[in-house]
Amino acid sequence: MGRKRDKKLEEWIVIPPGETIKENLEYLGMTQAEFAQRMGLSEKTVSEIINGIAPITYETALKLENVIGASAEFWMNLEANYQLAKARIAEKQKLKDEEKVLNQIPYNEMSKYRWVPETKNKEERIKNLRNFFGVSSLNFIPQTLEVCFRKANNEKTSCYALAAWIRKAEIEAYKIETKPFDKEKIYQFIPVIKELTKHTWEEIYPKLINICSECGIALVTLPHLKGTYVNGATKWLKKDKVLLALSYRYKFADVYWFSFFHELGHILKHGRKEVFIEGDDEISKNELEEEADNFAANTLIPYKDYKKFITENKFFTKDNIIAFANSLNIHPCIVVGRLMHDKLISYSDFNELRPRINFKS
């Protein structure tokens, strides 16, 4: 027998195949010393096999077949069951050890979005998360998504929630078929993408995905996870395919479009080894982030045009904002968002020009 179950303790009790050898030796009236001689093994090796320290090898199984009489397959099955029982116990302990990590991952929120199966069982949750993250242990998440733990350098940001968000973006991106990355094609499509800002989410999102795919970009938009403070991210999945991920964190269309062009700035201007994560003040800014901000702002609204607009208008009105937006072939919300960011109007002004996106539709 390889294992028994104690119904009271509900724990696996591992019994080495050596116990079966020992029982047979007693039945045959054979000492371990004699048995060692018949097997052509040292007494030390025999002792280790009987006590479960040394395994039964194929060669040993064939010898046992001759000396004791049961088939080699019988002995190998005993050994296999013994090793499997030990592995199950070790696995159970690993699951217990991983509960600390489990408690830091927003499983309920992830299951609400159907990223992982719904369950309250801790072991099932750990196994589901291993599959989700593609790791043999949740303890390996920091190594596989190291950037999330490096970027999330403050108490408010949840490293594991951020890692889960990035991982889900990767999973969805791999499902999207893209053509090889083409920087020049992206620049050619920028006027087309800017024009898309004038239309509703339902109209433009499939088109935007297709445009990105044509350029080698896998565009993914995901629900926001609490504690991530993330608006968007970029990550190169391979040499000719890049992930551009955006979140539902803010519903205003101008925020979505700024985040899109911010991440596009990283793709066009920065290296392929770095993973970029954008998220307000909660995720540290640096020169590359500022450069991406400037790219987004000045691509959506060219600096010279913007400077002229704010200089010529002492007061901003709904009419002059709309007229300026029309001259640039963009939605007025883009202009409102820029003025708000630059503190030229308050965040309560012209919100009627800022449509909200219904991401679930």
Protein backbone atom coordinates (compact mmCIF):
# COMPACT_ATOMS: atom_id res chain seq x y z
CA MET A 1 0.00 0.00 0.00
CA GLY A 2 1.33 3.45 -0.86
CA ARG A 3 -0.93 5.48 1.42
CA LYS A 4 -3.74 5.24 3.97
CA ARG A 5 -6.27 7.81 5.04
CA ASP A 6 -6.93 8.62 8.68
CA LYS A 7 -10.64 9.47 8.71
CA LYS A 8 -10.33 11.33 12.00
CA LEU A 9 -7.47 13.60 11.00
CA GLU A 10 -8.30 13.62 7.27
CA GLU A 11 -4.57 13.56 6.48
CA TRP A 12 -2.59 11.35 4.15
CA ILE A 13 -0.28 8.94 6.00
CA VAL A 14 2.57 7.90 3.74
CA ILE A 15 3.72 4.28 3.96
CA PRO A 16 6.94 3.43 2.07
CA PRO A 17 7.00 0.28 -0.10
CA GLY A 18 9.75 -0.92 2.20
CA GLU A 19 7.02 -1.85 4.68
CA THR A 20 5.72 -4.41 2.17
CA ILE A 21 9.26 -5.78 1.74
CA LYS A 22 9.59 -6.03 5.53
CA GLU A 23 6.29 -7.92 5.81
CA ASN A 24 7.42 -10.37 3.12
CA LEU A 25 10.76 -10.94 4.84
CA GLU A 26 8.96 -11.79 8.07
CA TYR A 27 6.66 -14.15 6.18
CA LEU A 28 9.65 -15.82 4.50
CA GLY A 29 11.64 -15.91 7.73
CA MET A 30 14.48 -14.05 6.03
CA THR A 31 16.80 -11.60 7.79
CA GLN A 32 17.76 -8.29 6.23
CA ALA A 33 21.36 -9.48 6.00
CA GLU A 34 20.33 -12.59 4.05
CA PHE A 35 17.98 -10.52 1.92
CA ALA A 36 20.83 -8.11 1.10
CA GLN A 37 23.01 -11.02 -0.02
CA ARG A 38 20.27 -12.44 -2.23
CA MET A 39 19.64 -9.00 -3.73
CA GLY A 40 23.31 -8.25 -4.30
CA LEU A 41 22.96 -5.02 -2.32
CA SER A 42 24.66 -3.68 0.78
CA GLU A 43 22.81 -3.93 4.08
CA LYS A 44 22.86 -0.12 4.25
CA THR A 45 21.07 0.17 0.89
CA VAL A 46 18.49 -2.44 1.93
CA SER A 47 17.88 -0.54 5.18
CA GLU A 48 17.40 2.71 3.27
CA ILE A 49 14.91 1.07 0.87
CA ILE A 50 12.92 -0.48 3.72
CA ASN A 51 12.80 2.85 5.59
CA GLY A 52 11.77 4.82 2.51
CA ILE A 53 15.04 6.74 2.28
CA ALA A 54 16.23 5.17 -0.99
CA PRO A 55 13.79 4.56 -3.87
CA ILE A 56 13.05 1.28 -5.59
CA THR A 57 14.71 1.57 -8.99
CA TYR A 58 13.82 -0.43 -12.10
CA GLU A 59 16.88 -2.62 -11.45
CA THR A 60 15.87 -3.15 -7.83
CA ALA A 61 12.29 -4.00 -8.87
CA LEU A 62 13.59 -6.74 -11.18
CA LYS A 63 15.68 -8.17 -8.33
CA LEU A 64 12.69 -8.08 -5.97
CA GLU A 65 10.70 -9.99 -8.57
CA ASN A 66 13.24 -12.83 -8.33
CA VAL A 67 13.89 -12.78 -4.59
CA ILE A 68 10.40 -12.17 -3.16
CA GLY A 69 8.25 -13.22 -6.09
CA ALA A 70 5.89 -10.30 -6.82
CA SER A 71 6.25 -8.76 -10.28
CA ALA A 72 8.58 -5.85 -11.00
CA GLU A 73 5.51 -3.85 -12.06
CA PHE A 74 3.99 -4.41 -8.61
CA TRP A 75 7.08 -2.97 -6.89
CA MET A 76 7.34 -0.03 -9.28
CA ASN A 77 3.67 0.78 -8.73
CA LEU A 78 4.22 0.75 -4.97
CA GLU A 79 7.16 3.11 -5.38
CA ALA A 80 5.22 5.41 -7.72
CA ASN A 81 2.25 5.58 -5.33
CA TYR A 82 4.60 6.29 -2.43
CA GLN A 83 6.33 9.13 -4.25
CA LEU A 84 2.98 10.55 -5.39
CA ALA A 85 1.64 10.44 -1.83
CA LYS A 86 4.73 12.31 -0.61
CA ALA A 87 4.30 14.85 -3.38
CA ARG A 88 0.66 15.38 -2.40
CA ILE A 89 1.65 16.11 1.18
CA ALA A 90 4.37 18.49 0.02
CA GLU A 91 1.87 20.15 -2.32
CA LYS A 92 -0.62 20.57 0.52
CA GLN A 93 2.05 22.29 2.58
CA LYS A 94 2.96 24.53 -0.38
CA LEU A 95 -0.69 25.52 -0.73
CA LYS A 96 -0.74 26.40 2.95
CA ASP A 97 2.41 28.48 2.56
CA GLU A 98 0.90 30.35 -0.41
CA GLU A 99 -2.13 31.53 1.55
CA LYS A 100 -0.18 34.63 2.62
CA VAL A 101 0.13 35.65 -1.02
CA LEU A 102 -3.48 34.65 -1.74
CA ASN A 103 -4.66 37.12 0.90
CA GLN A 104 -2.95 39.96 -0.99
CA ILE A 105 -4.59 39.17 -4.35
CA PRO A 106 -8.07 40.62 -5.08
CA TYR A 107 -9.60 37.26 -5.95
CA ASN A 108 -13.22 38.33 -5.40
CA GLU A 109 -12.80 41.28 -7.74
CA MET A 110 -11.05 39.13 -10.34
CA SER A 111 -13.79 36.49 -10.21
CA LYS A 112 -16.43 39.22 -10.55
CA TYR A 113 -14.84 40.09 -13.89
CA ARG A 114 -14.56 36.35 -14.73
CA TRP A 115 -10.79 36.43 -14.87
CA VAL A 116 -10.73 33.41 -12.55
CA PRO A 117 -13.41 30.86 -11.57
CA GLU A 118 -15.61 31.80 -8.62
CA THR A 119 -14.86 29.74 -5.50
CA LYS A 120 -14.46 30.30 -1.78
CA ASN A 121 -12.15 27.31 -1.28
CA LYS A 122 -8.62 28.56 -0.58
CA GLU A 123 -6.83 25.64 -2.23
CA GLU A 124 -8.94 26.01 -5.37
CA ARG A 125 -8.26 29.74 -5.41
CA ILE A 126 -4.51 29.17 -5.18
CA LYS A 127 -4.60 26.60 -8.00
CA ASN A 128 -6.71 28.93 -10.16
CA LEU A 129 -4.30 31.79 -9.56
CA ARG A 130 -1.29 29.62 -10.38
CA ASN A 131 -2.92 28.88 -13.71
CA PHE A 132 -3.83 32.54 -14.23
CA PHE A 133 -0.30 33.79 -13.55
CA GLY A 134 1.36 30.81 -15.24
CA VAL A 135 3.47 29.90 -12.20
CA SER A 136 3.95 26.73 -10.17
CA SER A 137 3.77 28.76 -6.95
CA LEU A 138 2.23 32.13 -6.10
CA ASN A 139 5.54 32.92 -4.40
CA PHE A 140 7.07 33.26 -7.88
CA ILE A 141 4.78 36.11 -8.97
CA PRO A 142 7.23 38.86 -7.89
CA GLN A 143 9.93 37.33 -10.13
CA THR A 144 7.72 36.93 -13.20
CA LEU A 145 6.11 40.38 -12.93
CA GLU A 146 8.97 42.17 -11.20
CA VAL A 147 8.10 45.52 -12.79
CA CYS A 148 4.82 45.70 -10.85
CA PHE A 149 6.67 45.38 -7.55
CA ARG A 150 9.26 47.94 -8.63
CA LYS A 151 6.74 50.47 -9.92
CA ALA A 152 4.35 50.10 -7.00
CA ASN A 153 6.74 51.74 -4.57
CA ASN A 154 4.26 53.20 -2.09
CA GLU A 155 1.95 51.88 0.58
CA LYS A 156 -1.28 52.62 -1.29
CA THR A 157 -0.51 50.63 -4.42
CA SER A 158 -1.20 46.89 -4.26
CA CYS A 159 1.67 45.09 -5.98
CA TYR A 160 -0.32 41.90 -6.47
CA ALA A 161 -3.41 43.68 -7.80
CA LEU A 162 -1.21 45.52 -10.29
CA ALA A 163 0.47 42.24 -11.25
CA ALA A 164 -2.95 40.64 -11.79
CA TRP A 165 -4.06 43.53 -14.01
CA ILE A 166 -0.90 43.38 -16.14
CA ARG A 167 -1.14 39.59 -16.39
CA LYS A 168 -4.76 39.73 -17.58
CA ALA A 169 -3.74 42.27 -20.21
CA GLU A 170 -1.02 39.88 -21.40
CA ILE A 171 -3.47 36.97 -21.58
CA GLU A 172 -5.93 38.97 -23.69
CA ALA A 173 -3.17 40.41 -25.89
CA TYR A 174 -1.92 36.95 -26.84
CA LYS A 175 -5.39 36.20 -28.20
CA ILE A 176 -5.21 39.13 -30.63
CA GLU A 177 -3.68 38.46 -34.02
CA THR A 178 -1.44 41.32 -35.11
CA LYS A 179 0.71 42.11 -38.09
CA PRO A 180 4.44 42.73 -37.49
CA PHE A 181 5.14 45.99 -35.68
CA ASP A 182 5.36 48.93 -38.08
CA LYS A 183 6.29 52.33 -36.61
CA GLU A 184 5.75 54.24 -39.85
CA LYS A 185 2.27 52.79 -40.23
CA ILE A 186 1.39 54.04 -36.74
CA TYR A 187 2.35 57.59 -37.67
CA GLN A 188 0.24 57.29 -40.81
CA PHE A 189 -2.78 56.18 -38.76
CA ILE A 190 -2.53 58.93 -36.10
CA PRO A 191 -4.82 61.39 -37.99
CA VAL A 192 -7.36 58.58 -38.41
CA ILE A 193 -7.20 57.72 -34.71
CA LYS A 194 -7.62 61.38 -33.74
CA GLU A 195 -10.75 61.54 -35.88
CA LEU A 196 -12.14 58.52 -34.02
CA THR A 197 -12.26 60.62 -30.83
CA LYS A 198 -15.32 62.38 -32.32
CA HIS A 199 -17.42 59.21 -32.31
CA THR A 200 -19.01 57.02 -29.65
CA TRP A 201 -17.21 54.16 -27.97
CA GLU A 202 -19.52 51.58 -29.54
CA GLU A 203 -18.68 52.89 -33.00
CA ILE A 204 -14.94 53.24 -32.73
CA TYR A 205 -13.56 50.56 -30.42
CA PRO A 206 -13.59 47.67 -32.95
CA LYS A 207 -12.01 50.02 -35.50
CA LEU A 208 -9.35 51.10 -33.02
CA ILE A 209 -8.47 47.48 -32.25
CA ASN A 210 -8.15 46.74 -35.97
CA ILE A 211 -5.97 49.79 -36.62
CA CYS A 212 -3.68 48.85 -33.75
CA SER A 213 -3.50 45.24 -34.94
CA GLU A 214 -2.46 46.43 -38.39
CA CYS A 215 0.49 48.21 -36.76
CA GLY A 216 1.60 45.33 -34.52
CA ILE A 217 -0.15 46.60 -31.38
CA ALA A 218 -2.48 44.42 -29.30
CA LEU A 219 -4.93 46.88 -27.74
CA VAL A 220 -6.61 45.64 -24.55
CA THR A 221 -9.04 47.59 -22.34
CA LEU A 222 -9.72 46.12 -18.90
CA PRO A 223 -11.69 46.89 -15.75
CA HIS A 224 -9.76 48.75 -13.08
CA LEU A 225 -8.70 46.77 -10.01
CA LYS A 226 -8.78 48.54 -6.65
CA GLY A 227 -5.37 49.53 -5.39
CA THR A 228 -3.67 49.56 -8.80
CA TYR A 229 -4.06 53.26 -9.64
CA VAL A 230 -3.31 52.30 -13.24
CA ASN A 231 -4.60 54.07 -16.33
CA GLY A 232 -2.51 52.24 -18.90
CA ALA A 233 0.58 50.18 -19.63
CA THR A 234 2.78 48.99 -22.47
CA LYS A 235 4.84 45.83 -22.71
CA TRP A 236 6.62 44.19 -25.62
CA LEU A 237 5.41 40.59 -25.88
CA LYS A 238 7.87 39.72 -28.65
CA LYS A 239 10.05 41.61 -31.11
CA ASP A 240 7.19 42.42 -33.49
CA LYS A 241 4.21 42.63 -31.12
CA VAL A 242 3.52 45.08 -28.31
CA LEU A 243 0.74 45.24 -25.71
CA LEU A 244 -1.06 48.54 -25.15
CA ALA A 245 -3.35 48.13 -22.15
CA LEU A 246 -5.85 50.68 -20.84
CA SER A 247 -8.13 50.55 -17.81
CA TYR A 248 -11.71 51.57 -17.03
CA ARG A 249 -10.44 53.64 -14.11
CA TYR A 250 -11.91 56.88 -15.40
CA LYS A 251 -15.02 57.01 -17.57
CA PHE A 252 -14.31 60.35 -19.24
CA ALA A 253 -13.44 59.92 -22.92
CA ASP A 254 -10.67 62.54 -22.83
CA VAL A 255 -8.83 60.61 -20.09
CA TYR A 256 -9.05 57.40 -22.12
CA TRP A 257 -7.71 59.08 -25.24
CA PHE A 258 -4.90 60.83 -23.41
CA SER A 259 -3.89 57.51 -21.83
CA PHE A 260 -3.99 55.84 -25.25
CA PHE A 261 -1.67 58.41 -26.81
CA HIS A 262 0.54 58.41 -23.72
CA GLU A 263 1.13 54.67 -24.12
CA LEU A 264 1.55 55.14 -27.86
CA GLY A 265 4.31 57.61 -27.03
CA HIS A 266 6.16 54.93 -25.08
CA ILE A 267 5.82 52.52 -27.98
CA LEU A 268 7.10 54.99 -30.56
CA LYS A 269 9.83 56.72 -28.58
CA HIS A 270 11.15 54.37 -25.91
CA GLY A 271 12.93 51.03 -25.66
CA ARG A 272 11.46 47.57 -25.91
CA LYS A 273 12.90 46.09 -22.72
CA GLU A 274 11.09 48.37 -20.28
CA VAL A 275 7.49 47.87 -19.15
CA PHE A 276 5.72 51.22 -18.76
CA ILE A 277 2.87 51.72 -16.33
CA GLU A 278 0.92 54.97 -16.17
CA GLY A 279 -1.11 55.92 -13.13
CA ASP A 280 -1.20 59.46 -11.75
CA ASP A 281 0.90 60.24 -8.70
CA GLU A 282 0.54 56.77 -7.24
CA ILE A 283 3.06 55.38 -9.70
CA SER A 284 6.31 57.31 -9.83
CA LYS A 285 6.94 59.71 -12.69
CA ASN A 286 10.24 59.99 -14.53
CA GLU A 287 11.62 61.64 -17.65
CA LEU A 288 10.24 58.95 -19.94
CA GLU A 289 6.76 59.33 -18.45
CA GLU A 290 6.93 63.10 -18.91
CA GLU A 291 8.06 62.61 -22.49
CA ALA A 292 5.09 60.31 -23.10
CA ASP A 293 2.79 62.93 -21.52
CA ASN A 294 4.14 65.59 -23.87
CA PHE A 295 3.75 63.28 -26.86
CA ALA A 296 0.11 62.62 -25.97
CA ALA A 297 -0.72 66.27 -25.33
CA ASN A 298 0.99 67.64 -28.43
CA THR A 299 -0.15 64.86 -30.77
CA LEU A 300 -3.78 65.37 -29.82
CA ILE A 301 -3.44 69.17 -29.86
CA PRO A 302 -0.32 70.54 -31.58
CA TYR A 303 1.49 72.94 -29.26
CA LYS A 304 1.48 75.91 -31.67
CA ASP A 305 -2.26 75.59 -32.25
CA TYR A 306 -2.91 75.26 -28.53
CA LYS A 307 -0.72 78.24 -27.67
CA LYS A 308 -2.53 80.38 -30.24
CA PHE A 309 -5.94 79.28 -28.93
CA ILE A 310 -5.27 80.12 -25.29
CA THR A 311 -3.57 83.40 -26.22
CA GLU A 312 -6.36 84.65 -28.48
CA ASN A 313 -9.19 83.74 -26.10
CA LYS A 314 -9.36 85.65 -22.83
CA PHE A 315 -12.38 83.59 -21.87
CA PHE A 316 -13.20 80.05 -22.86
CA THR A 317 -16.70 79.30 -24.01
CA LYS A 318 -18.51 76.25 -25.24
CA ASP A 319 -18.59 77.73 -28.74
CA ASN A 320 -14.89 78.57 -29.04
CA ILE A 321 -13.88 75.21 -27.57
CA ILE A 322 -16.05 73.35 -30.08
CA ALA A 323 -14.78 75.50 -32.95
CA PHE A 324 -11.16 74.87 -31.96
CA ALA A 325 -11.78 71.12 -31.66
CA ASN A 326 -13.44 71.05 -35.08
CA SER A 327 -10.44 72.79 -36.62
CA LEU A 328 -8.24 69.96 -35.31
CA ASN A 329 -10.76 67.23 -36.24
CA ILE A 330 -10.98 65.99 -32.63
CA HIS A 331 -13.73 65.79 -30.01
CA PRO A 332 -14.16 68.93 -27.83
CA CYS A 333 -13.54 66.80 -24.72
CA ILE A 334 -9.87 66.62 -25.71
CA VAL A 335 -9.63 70.42 -25.54
CA VAL A 336 -11.53 70.57 -22.24
CA GLY A 337 -9.26 67.94 -20.73
CA ARG A 338 -6.14 69.86 -21.79
CA LEU A 339 -7.47 73.12 -20.33
CA MET A 340 -8.34 71.37 -17.07
CA HIS A 341 -4.90 69.77 -16.85
CA ASP A 342 -3.24 73.15 -17.39
CA LYS A 343 -5.54 74.71 -14.75
CA LEU A 344 -6.97 77.20 -17.22
CA ILE A 345 -10.49 76.07 -16.31
CA SER A 346 -11.83 74.24 -13.27
CA TYR A 347 -12.78 70.56 -13.23
CA SER A 348 -16.43 71.57 -12.99
CA ASP A 349 -16.38 73.57 -16.23
CA PHE A 350 -17.75 72.29 -19.55
CA ASN A 351 -18.34 68.74 -18.33
CA GLU A 352 -21.26 68.63 -20.76
CA LEU A 353 -18.56 68.43 -23.44
CA ARG A 354 -16.92 65.43 -21.75
CA PRO A 355 -18.84 62.25 -22.62
CA ARG A 356 -18.50 59.24 -20.37
CA ILE A 357 -17.64 55.88 -21.90
CA ASN A 358 -19.90 52.93 -21.16
CA PHE A 359 -17.13 50.33 -21.21
CA LYS A 360 -19.50 47.43 -20.51
CA SER A 361 -21.54 47.98 -23.64
